[in-house]
PDB file of N, CA and C in Angstrom:
ATOM      1  N   LEU A   1       8.488   3.173   2.214  1.00  0.00           N
ATOM      2  CA  LEU A   1       7.666   4.333   2.486  1.00  0.00           C
ATOM      3  C   LEU A   1       8.495   5.535   2.917  1.00  0.00           C
ATOM      4  N   GLN A   2       9.640   5.289   3.509  1.00  0.00           N
ATOM      5  CA  GLN A   2      10.458   6.405   3.974  1.00  0.00           C
ATOM      6  C   GLN A   2      11.495   6.850   2.949  1.00  0.00           C
ATOM      7  N   ALA A   3      11.861   5.986   2.017  1.00  0.00           N
ATOM      8  CA  ALA A   3      12.968   6.302   1.119  1.00  0.00           C
ATOM      9  C   ALA A   3      12.549   6.635  -0.309  1.00  0.00           C
ATOM     10  N   VAL A   4      11.385   6.189  -0.722  1.00  0.00           N
ATOM     11  CA  VAL A   4      10.955   6.350  -2.109  1.00  0.00           C
ATOM     12  C   VAL A   4       9.711   7.240  -2.139  1.00  0.00           C
ATOM     13  N   PRO A   5       9.618   8.161  -3.098  1.00  0.00           N
ATOM     14  CA  PRO A   5       8.407   8.992  -3.190  1.00  0.00           C
ATOM     15  C   PRO A   5       7.144   8.133  -3.313  1.00  0.00           C
ATOM     16  N   LYS A   6       6.096   8.540  -2.637  1.00  0.00           N
ATOM     17  CA  LYS A   6       4.844   7.759  -2.626  1.00  0.00           C
ATOM     18  C   LYS A   6       4.285   7.510  -4.019  1.00  0.00           C
ATOM     19  N   VAL A   7       4.506   8.435  -4.934  1.00  0.00           N
ATOM     20  CA  VAL A   7       3.959   8.263  -6.283  1.00  0.00           C
ATOM     21  C   VAL A   7       4.724   7.220  -7.092  1.00  0.00           C
ATOM     22  N   LYS A   8       5.851   6.744  -6.579  1.00  0.00           N
ATOM     23  CA  LYS A   8       6.654   5.728  -7.269  1.00  0.00           C
ATOM     24  C   LYS A   8       6.383   4.320  -6.743  1.00  0.00           C
ATOM     25  N   LEU A   9       5.616   4.193  -5.674  1.00  0.00           N
ATOM     26  CA  LEU A   9       5.375   2.897  -5.041  1.00  0.00           C
ATOM     27  C   LEU A   9       4.065   2.289  -5.503  1.00  0.00           C
ATOM     28  N   ILE A  10       4.054   0.972  -5.609  1.00  0.00           N
ATOM     29  CA  ILE A  10       2.789   0.267  -5.767  1.00  0.00           C
ATOM     30  C   ILE A  10       2.667  -0.673  -4.583  1.00  0.00           C
ATOM     31  N   GLY A  11       1.448  -0.894  -4.163  1.00  0.00           N
ATOM     32  CA  GLY A  11       1.217  -1.650  -2.953  1.00  0.00           C
ATOM     33  C   GLY A  11       1.606  -3.096  -3.025  1.00  0.00           C
ATOM     34  N   TYR A  12       1.202  -3.770  -4.059  1.00  0.00           N
ATOM     35  CA  TYR A  12       1.432  -5.208  -4.099  1.00  0.00           C
ATOM     36  C   TYR A  12       1.607  -5.633  -5.541  1.00  0.00           C
ATOM     37  N   TYR A  13       2.650  -6.382  -5.788  1.00  0.00           N
ATOM     38  CA  TYR A  13       2.912  -6.884  -7.134  1.00  0.00           C
ATOM     39  C   TYR A  13       3.388  -8.319  -6.993  1.00  0.00           C
ATOM     40  N   SER A  14       2.846  -9.208  -7.798  1.00  0.00           N
ATOM     41  CA  SER A  14       3.193 -10.621  -7.674  1.00  0.00           C
ATOM     42  C   SER A  14       3.210 -11.267  -9.044  1.00  0.00           C
ATOM     43  N   ASP A  15       3.928 -12.368  -9.148  1.00  0.00           N
ATOM     44  CA  ASP A  15       3.934 -13.127 -10.395  1.00  0.00           C
ATOM     45  C   ASP A  15       2.675 -13.987 -10.527  1.00  0.00           C
ATOM     46  N   MET A  16       1.901 -14.123  -9.463  1.00  0.00           N
ATOM     47  CA  MET A  16       0.634 -14.866  -9.461  1.00  0.00           C
ATOM     48  C   MET A  16       0.762 -16.242 -10.101  1.00  0.00           C
ATOM     49  N   TYR A  17       1.660 -17.025  -9.587  1.00  0.00           N
ATOM     50  CA  TYR A  17       1.827 -18.363 -10.139  1.00  0.00           C
ATOM     51  C   TYR A  17       0.610 -19.239  -9.896  1.00  0.00           C
ATOM     52  N   LYS A  18      -0.208 -18.886  -8.929  1.00  0.00           N
ATOM     53  CA  LYS A  18      -1.502 -19.545  -8.732  1.00  0.00           C
ATOM     54  C   LYS A  18      -2.514 -18.452  -8.417  1.00  0.00           C
ATOM     55  N   VAL A  19      -3.513 -18.330  -9.242  1.00  0.00           N
ATOM     56  CA  VAL A  19      -4.489 -17.252  -9.087  1.00  0.00           C
ATOM     57  C   VAL A  19      -5.207 -17.331  -7.737  1.00  0.00           C
ATOM     58  N   GLU A  20      -5.337 -18.525  -7.183  1.00  0.00           N
ATOM     59  CA  GLU A  20      -6.028 -18.687  -5.903  1.00  0.00           C
ATOM     60  C   GLU A  20      -5.293 -17.997  -4.757  1.00  0.00           C
ATOM     61  N   PHE A  21      -4.005 -17.753  -4.929  1.00  0.00           N
ATOM     62  CA  PHE A  21      -3.224 -17.119  -3.868  1.00  0.00           C
ATOM     63  C   PHE A  21      -3.285 -15.590  -3.938  1.00  0.00           C
ATOM     64  N   GLY A  22      -3.802 -15.045  -5.001  1.00  0.00           N
ATOM     65  CA  GLY A  22      -3.789 -13.602  -5.207  1.00  0.00           C
ATOM     66  C   GLY A  22      -4.519 -12.809  -4.147  1.00  0.00           C
ATOM     67  N   LEU A  23      -5.776 -13.113  -3.927  1.00  0.00           N
ATOM     68  CA  LEU A  23      -6.567 -12.341  -2.964  1.00  0.00           C
ATOM     69  C   LEU A  23      -6.068 -12.509  -1.528  1.00  0.00           C
ATOM     70  N   PRO A  24      -5.778 -13.730  -1.065  1.00  0.00           N
ATOM     71  CA  PRO A  24      -5.245 -13.840   0.301  1.00  0.00           C
ATOM     72  C   PRO A  24      -3.933 -13.078   0.497  1.00  0.00           C
ATOM     73  N   LYS A  25      -3.047 -13.120  -0.495  1.00  0.00           N
ATOM     74  CA  LYS A  25      -1.782 -12.384  -0.372  1.00  0.00           C
ATOM     75  C   LYS A  25      -2.025 -10.876  -0.372  1.00  0.00           C
ATOM     76  N   PHE A  26      -2.938 -10.416  -1.217  1.00  0.00           N
ATOM     77  CA  PHE A  26      -3.256  -8.995  -1.253  1.00  0.00           C
ATOM     78  C   PHE A  26      -3.860  -8.551   0.074  1.00  0.00           C
ATOM     79  N   ASN A  27      -4.763  -9.346   0.628  1.00  0.00           N
ATOM     80  CA  ASN A  27      -5.369  -9.006   1.916  1.00  0.00           C
ATOM     81  C   ASN A  27      -4.327  -8.969   3.025  1.00  0.00           C
ATOM     82  N   MET A  28      -3.372  -9.904   2.988  1.00  0.00           N
ATOM     83  CA  MET A  28      -2.294  -9.898   3.967  1.00  0.00           C
ATOM     84  C   MET A  28      -1.480  -8.602   3.828  1.00  0.00           C
ATOM     85  N   TYR A  29      -1.177  -8.220   2.595  1.00  0.00           N
ATOM     86  CA  TYR A  29      -0.423  -6.992   2.371  1.00  0.00           C
ATOM     87  C   TYR A  29      -1.179  -5.777   2.910  1.00  0.00           C
ATOM     88  N   ARG A  30      -2.483  -5.727   2.687  1.00  0.00           N
ATOM     89  CA  ARG A  30      -3.280  -4.597   3.195  1.00  0.00           C
ATOM     90  C   ARG A  30      -3.194  -4.501   4.711  1.00  0.00           C
ATOM     91  N   ARG A  31      -3.290  -5.658   5.385  1.00  0.00           N
ATOM     92  CA  ARG A  31      -3.205  -5.653   6.852  1.00  0.00           C
ATOM     93  C   ARG A  31      -1.835  -5.174   7.327  1.00  0.00           C
ATOM     94  N   VAL A  32      -0.777  -5.656   6.686  1.00  0.00           N
ATOM     95  CA  VAL A  32       0.578  -5.249   7.067  1.00  0.00           C
ATOM     96  C   VAL A  32       0.779  -3.758   6.792  1.00  0.00           C
ATOM     97  N   LEU A  33       0.324  -3.286   5.650  1.00  0.00           N
ATOM     98  CA  LEU A  33       0.441  -1.868   5.323  1.00  0.00           C
ATOM     99  C   LEU A  33      -0.283  -1.010   6.359  1.00  0.00           C
ATOM    100  N   ALA A  34      -1.488  -1.406   6.736  1.00  0.00           N
ATOM    101  CA  ALA A  34      -2.246  -0.654   7.746  1.00  0.00           C
ATOM    102  C   ALA A  34      -1.490  -0.615   9.071  1.00  0.00           C
ATOM    103  N   ARG A  35      -0.920  -1.744   9.459  1.00  0.00           N
ATOM    104  CA  ARG A  35      -0.172  -1.819  10.717  1.00  0.00           C
ATOM    105  C   ARG A  35       1.065  -0.912  10.667  1.00  0.00           C
ATOM    106  N   VAL A  36       1.792  -0.951   9.568  1.00  0.00           N
ATOM    107  CA  VAL A  36       3.002  -0.128   9.436  1.00  0.00           C
ATOM    108  C   VAL A  36       2.646   1.355   9.418  1.00  0.00           C
ATOM    109  N   LEU A  37       1.630   1.717   8.660  1.00  0.00           N
ATOM    110  CA  LEU A  37       1.231   3.130   8.631  1.00  0.00           C
ATOM    111  C   LEU A  37       0.825   3.611  10.020  1.00  0.00           C
ATOM    112  N   ALA A  38       0.061   2.797  10.741  1.00  0.00           N
ATOM    113  CA  ALA A  38      -0.381   3.186  12.084  1.00  0.00           C
ATOM    114  C   ALA A  38       0.801   3.283  13.048  1.00  0.00           C
ATOM    115  N   ARG A  39       1.610   2.232  13.100  1.00  0.00           N
ATOM    116  CA  ARG A  39       2.689   2.161  14.089  1.00  0.00           C
ATOM    117  C   ARG A  39       3.832   3.134  13.796  1.00  0.00           C
ATOM    118  N   ASP A  40       4.236   3.219  12.536  1.00  0.00           N
ATOM    119  CA  ASP A  40       5.439   3.983  12.206  1.00  0.00           C
ATOM    120  C   ASP A  40       5.180   5.422  11.777  1.00  0.00           C
ATOM    121  N   PHE A  41       3.938   5.744  11.450  1.00  0.00           N
ATOM    122  CA  PHE A  41       3.664   7.093  10.949  1.00  0.00           C
ATOM    123  C   PHE A  41       2.596   7.829  11.762  1.00  0.00           C
ATOM    124  N   VAL A  42       1.477   7.191  12.040  1.00  0.00           N
ATOM    125  CA  VAL A  42       0.396   7.883  12.750  1.00  0.00           C
ATOM    126  C   VAL A  42       0.712   8.008  14.242  1.00  0.00           C
ATOM    127  N   GLU A  43       1.072   6.913  14.895  1.00  0.00           N
ATOM    128  CA  GLU A  43       1.333   6.957  16.342  1.00  0.00           C
ATOM    129  C   GLU A  43       2.442   7.937  16.723  1.00  0.00           C
ATOM    130  N   PRO A  44       3.554   7.993  15.976  1.00  0.00           N
ATOM    131  CA  PRO A  44       4.595   8.970  16.329  1.00  0.00           C
ATOM    132  C   PRO A  44       4.248  10.410  15.926  1.00  0.00           C
ATOM    133  N   GLY A  45       3.128  10.594  15.229  1.00  0.00           N
ATOM    134  CA  GLY A  45       2.714  11.936  14.840  1.00  0.00           C
ATOM    135  C   GLY A  45       3.316  12.432  13.535  1.00  0.00           C
ATOM    136  N   LEU A  46       3.896  11.538  12.742  1.00  0.00           N
ATOM    137  CA  LEU A  46       4.471  11.937  11.457  1.00  0.00           C
ATOM    138  C   LEU A  46       3.403  12.142  10.393  1.00  0.00           C
ATOM    139  N   MET A  47       2.232  11.564  10.625  1.00  0.00           N
ATOM    140  CA  MET A  47       1.151  11.592   9.639  1.00  0.00           C
ATOM    141  C   MET A  47      -0.159  11.470  10.415  1.00  0.00           C
ATOM    142  N   ASP A  48      -1.201  12.192   9.979  1.00  0.00           N
ATOM    143  CA  ASP A  48      -2.494  11.980  10.624  1.00  0.00           C
ATOM    144  C   ASP A  48      -3.219  10.825   9.921  1.00  0.00           C
ATOM    145  N   GLU A  49      -4.353  10.422  10.476  1.00  0.00           N
ATOM    146  CA  GLU A  49      -5.073   9.265   9.924  1.00  0.00           C
ATOM    147  C   GLU A  49      -5.517   9.496   8.484  1.00  0.00           C
ATOM    148  N   GLU A  50      -5.952  10.703   8.178  1.00  0.00           N
ATOM    149  CA  GLU A  50      -6.374  11.003   6.800  1.00  0.00           C
ATOM    150  C   GLU A  50      -5.218  10.843   5.819  1.00  0.00           C
ATOM    151  N   ALA A  51      -4.044  11.294   6.197  1.00  0.00           N
ATOM    152  CA  ALA A  51      -2.868  11.155   5.328  1.00  0.00           C
ATOM    153  C   ALA A  51      -2.479   9.688   5.177  1.00  0.00           C
ATOM    154  N   ALA A  52      -2.626   8.904   6.239  1.00  0.00           N
ATOM    155  CA  ALA A  52      -2.311   7.473   6.164  1.00  0.00           C
ATOM    156  C   ALA A  52      -3.270   6.763   5.212  1.00  0.00           C
ATOM    157  N   VAL A  53      -4.547   7.101   5.291  1.00  0.00           N
ATOM    158  CA  VAL A  53      -5.533   6.504   4.379  1.00  0.00           C
ATOM    159  C   VAL A  53      -5.235   6.928   2.943  1.00  0.00           C
ATOM    160  N   ALA A  54      -4.884   8.188   2.743  1.00  0.00           N
ATOM    161  CA  ALA A  54      -4.550   8.668   1.399  1.00  0.00           C
ATOM    162  C   ALA A  54      -3.306   7.960   0.859  1.00  0.00           C
ATOM    163  N   THR A  55      -2.328   7.717   1.710  1.00  0.00           N
ATOM    164  CA  THR A  55      -1.122   6.990   1.301  1.00  0.00           C
ATOM    165  C   THR A  55      -1.465   5.566   0.906  1.00  0.00           C
ATOM    166  N   ALA A  56      -2.273   4.907   1.718  1.00  0.00           N
ATOM    167  CA  ALA A  56      -2.689   3.537   1.393  1.00  0.00           C
ATOM    168  C   ALA A  56      -3.450   3.510   0.075  1.00  0.00           C
ATOM    169  N   ARG A  57      -4.314   4.474  -0.138  1.00  0.00           N
ATOM    170  CA  ARG A  57      -5.081   4.539  -1.389  1.00  0.00           C
ATOM    171  C   ARG A  57      -4.145   4.720  -2.587  1.00  0.00           C
ATOM    172  N   LEU A  58      -3.127   5.545  -2.429  1.00  0.00           N
ATOM    173  CA  LEU A  58      -2.138   5.726  -3.501  1.00  0.00           C
ATOM    174  C   LEU A  58      -1.440   4.409  -3.827  1.00  0.00           C
ATOM    175  N   LEU A  59      -0.947   3.729  -2.794  1.00  0.00           N
ATOM    176  CA  LEU A  59      -0.189   2.497  -2.997  1.00  0.00           C
ATOM    177  C   LEU A  59      -1.050   1.369  -3.534  1.00  0.00           C
ATOM    178  N   LEU A  60      -2.272   1.269  -3.044  1.00  0.00           N
ATOM    179  CA  LEU A  60      -3.115   0.120  -3.382  1.00  0.00           C
ATOM    180  C   LEU A  60      -3.978   0.321  -4.619  1.00  0.00           C
ATOM    181  N   ARG A  61      -4.238   1.577  -4.982  1.00  0.00           N
ATOM    182  CA  ARG A  61      -5.145   1.789  -6.108  1.00  0.00           C
ATOM    183  C   ARG A  61      -4.634   2.784  -7.145  1.00  0.00           C
ATOM    184  N   GLU A  62      -4.371   3.995  -6.715  1.00  0.00           N
ATOM    185  CA  GLU A  62      -4.090   5.064  -7.677  1.00  0.00           C
ATOM    186  C   GLU A  62      -2.778   4.860  -8.441  1.00  0.00           C
ATOM    187  N   ASN A  63      -1.700   4.527  -7.738  1.00  0.00           N
ATOM    188  CA  ASN A  63      -0.422   4.330  -8.435  1.00  0.00           C
ATOM    189  C   ASN A  63      -0.462   3.146  -9.401  1.00  0.00           C
ATOM    190  N   PRO A  64      -0.940   1.963  -8.988  1.00  0.00           N
ATOM    191  CA  PRO A  64      -1.014   0.859  -9.957  1.00  0.00           C
ATOM    192  C   PRO A  64      -1.901   1.201 -11.153  1.00  0.00           C
ATOM    193  N   LYS A  65      -2.996   1.893 -10.884  1.00  0.00           N
ATOM    194  CA  LYS A  65      -3.910   2.290 -11.957  1.00  0.00           C
ATOM    195  C   LYS A  65      -3.189   3.180 -12.974  1.00  0.00           C
ATOM    196  N   ARG A  66      -2.432   4.144 -12.473  1.00  0.00           N
ATOM    197  CA  ARG A  66      -1.693   5.062 -13.345  1.00  0.00           C
ATOM    198  C   ARG A  66      -0.528   4.346 -14.040  1.00  0.00           C
ATOM    199  N   ILE A  67       0.241   3.568 -13.302  1.00  0.00           N
ATOM    200  CA  ILE A  67       1.427   2.909 -13.856  1.00  0.00           C
ATOM    201  C   ILE A  67       1.062   1.873 -14.913  1.00  0.00           C
ATOM    202  N   PHE A  68       0.027   1.069 -14.636  1.00  0.00           N
ATOM    203  CA  PHE A  68      -0.345  -0.006 -15.555  1.00  0.00           C
ATOM    204  C   PHE A  68      -1.443   0.395 -16.538  1.00  0.00           C
ATOM    205  N   GLY A  69      -1.949   1.615 -16.403  1.00  0.00           N
ATOM    206  CA  GLY A  69      -2.932   2.126 -17.350  1.00  0.00           C
ATOM    207  C   GLY A  69      -4.262   1.397 -17.336  1.00  0.00           C
ATOM    208  N   VAL A  70      -4.715   1.029 -16.166  1.00  0.00           N
ATOM    209  CA  VAL A  70      -6.017   0.347 -16.063  1.00  0.00           C
ATOM    210  C   VAL A  70      -7.033   1.209 -15.359  1.00  0.00           C
TER     211      VAL A  70
END
């Protein structure tokens, strides 16, 4: 998040060797992302809550949608 432009990142990518693991792993990633955005960006004042939500939306939805064309 600090070294790569936000438009180049995707939130979660996996080889999905077992489809049953997909949703739990994605949910875990969402929780970790929320924690990192809050602790490392919002609390120190580098980003407000709206910007953190917009960043999460980019990583979790908009960038993968654009990159993979879905």
